[in-house]
Protein backbone atom coordinates (compact mmCIF):
# COMPACT_ATOMS: atom_id res chain seq x y z
CA MET A 1 -8.06 -20.80 66.74
CA LYS A 2 -9.22 -21.05 70.29
CA GLY A 3 -6.84 -19.44 72.76
CA HIS A 4 -5.10 -17.35 70.12
CA SER A 5 -7.66 -14.54 69.81
CA ASP A 6 -5.24 -11.93 71.18
CA CYS A 7 -2.30 -12.99 69.01
CA PRO A 8 -1.76 -10.51 66.14
CA ILE A 9 -0.23 -13.22 63.94
CA SER A 10 -3.30 -15.43 64.38
CA LYS A 11 -5.68 -12.57 63.61
CA VAL A 12 -3.91 -11.64 60.37
CA ALA A 13 -3.39 -15.29 59.38
CA LEU A 14 -7.11 -15.99 59.77
CA LEU A 15 -8.03 -12.93 57.73
CA LEU A 16 -5.59 -13.78 54.94
CA SER A 17 -6.00 -17.55 55.16
CA ASP A 18 -6.14 -18.15 51.42
CA PRO A 19 -4.37 -16.74 48.35
CA TRP A 20 -7.56 -15.30 46.82
CA THR A 21 -7.99 -12.81 49.65
CA MET A 22 -4.51 -11.34 49.15
CA MET A 23 -4.95 -11.26 45.38
CA ILE A 24 -8.32 -9.49 45.60
CA LEU A 25 -6.83 -6.84 47.89
CA HIS A 26 -3.78 -6.52 45.63
CA TYR A 27 -5.94 -5.77 42.59
CA LEU A 28 -8.28 -3.44 44.48
CA ASN A 29 -5.34 -1.51 45.90
CA GLY A 30 -4.54 -0.68 42.27
CA GLY A 31 -7.84 1.16 41.94
CA PRO A 32 -11.60 0.58 41.86
CA LYS A 33 -12.75 -2.59 40.12
CA ARG A 34 -16.16 -3.95 39.22
CA PHE A 35 -17.02 -7.58 39.90
CA CYS A 36 -16.45 -8.64 36.28
CA GLU A 37 -13.05 -6.90 36.21
CA LEU A 38 -11.97 -8.80 39.31
CA GLU A 39 -13.26 -12.04 37.87
CA LYS A 40 -11.15 -11.52 34.73
CA ALA A 41 -8.04 -10.49 36.68
CA LEU A 42 -8.27 -13.45 39.06
CA ASP A 43 -7.82 -16.26 36.57
CA GLY A 44 -9.31 -19.46 37.96
CA ILE A 45 -11.55 -18.00 40.67
CA SER A 46 -15.15 -19.14 40.56
CA THR A 47 -18.01 -16.65 40.67
CA ARG A 48 -19.16 -18.17 43.96
CA THR A 49 -15.73 -17.94 45.57
CA LEU A 50 -15.30 -14.32 44.47
CA THR A 51 -18.75 -13.45 45.80
CA LEU A 52 -17.99 -15.07 49.16
CA LYS A 53 -14.54 -13.46 49.45
CA LEU A 54 -15.88 -9.98 48.60
CA GLY A 55 -18.62 -10.43 51.19
CA LYS A 56 -16.10 -11.47 53.84
CA LEU A 57 -13.78 -8.56 53.00
CA ALA A 58 -16.70 -6.13 53.19
CA GLN A 59 -17.75 -7.62 56.53
CA GLU A 60 -14.19 -7.15 57.80
CA GLU A 61 -14.33 -3.52 56.55
CA MET A 62 -11.40 -4.10 54.20
CA ILE A 63 -13.40 -3.12 51.10
CA LYS A 64 -16.61 -1.34 50.19
CA LYS A 65 -18.50 -0.31 47.08
CA ASN A 66 -18.15 3.24 45.83
CA LYS A 67 -21.01 5.33 44.47
CA ASP A 68 -20.43 3.84 40.99
CA GLY A 69 -20.82 0.27 42.29
CA ALA A 70 -17.13 -0.60 41.97
CA TYR A 71 -15.22 -2.21 44.82
CA ILE A 72 -12.54 -0.15 46.55
CA THR A 73 -10.27 -0.74 49.51
CA THR A 74 -10.82 1.08 52.78
CA LYS A 75 -7.98 2.45 54.87
CA ARG A 76 -7.86 -0.93 56.56
CA GLY A 77 -7.67 -2.71 53.21
CA ARG A 78 -4.93 -0.41 51.95
CA GLY A 79 -2.92 -1.30 55.06
CA ILE A 80 -2.45 -4.78 53.59
CA LYS A 81 0.25 -3.21 51.40
CA LEU A 82 2.56 -3.60 54.42
CA VAL A 83 2.03 -7.37 54.37
CA GLU A 84 2.34 -7.47 50.58
CA LYS A 85 5.70 -5.67 50.69
CA ALA A 86 6.98 -8.06 53.36
CA MET A 87 5.84 -11.06 51.29
CA THR A 88 7.57 -9.67 48.19
CA ARG A 89 10.78 -9.10 50.15
CA TYR A 90 10.61 -12.60 51.65
CA GLN A 91 10.06 -14.16 48.23
CA ALA A 92 13.03 -12.29 46.75
CA GLU A 93 15.36 -13.32 49.58
CA TYR A 94 14.26 -16.87 50.38
CA LEU A 95 12.24 -18.46 47.56
C-alpha cells in the first residue's frame, strides 16, 4: 500500500490480511501449540499455508518457538487480543 506506510490502520490490515493469521494467533494466545496441534485446530488449512503463516508471524515477531519446540505468542502477538475483542464486540452488535 504505497503512501499508507504511516497509517496505523494500513499496517494492522496488512499484518492481519487473511483469516488464518487471526486464527493462528487466537489459538496460540490460548497456550503453546506444536505444529500438528495447530494443523488439527485450524480445520482446512494446508500444511504449506500454515508453514508460510508461521514463518511470517515469526518474522513479524508475533510468535516464536519455546525451548520445547512449541509455538508461543510474544508480547506483540498477545496484543492482538485487543483486536480480537473489538472484532467480537463488532460481530455481536452488527452481524
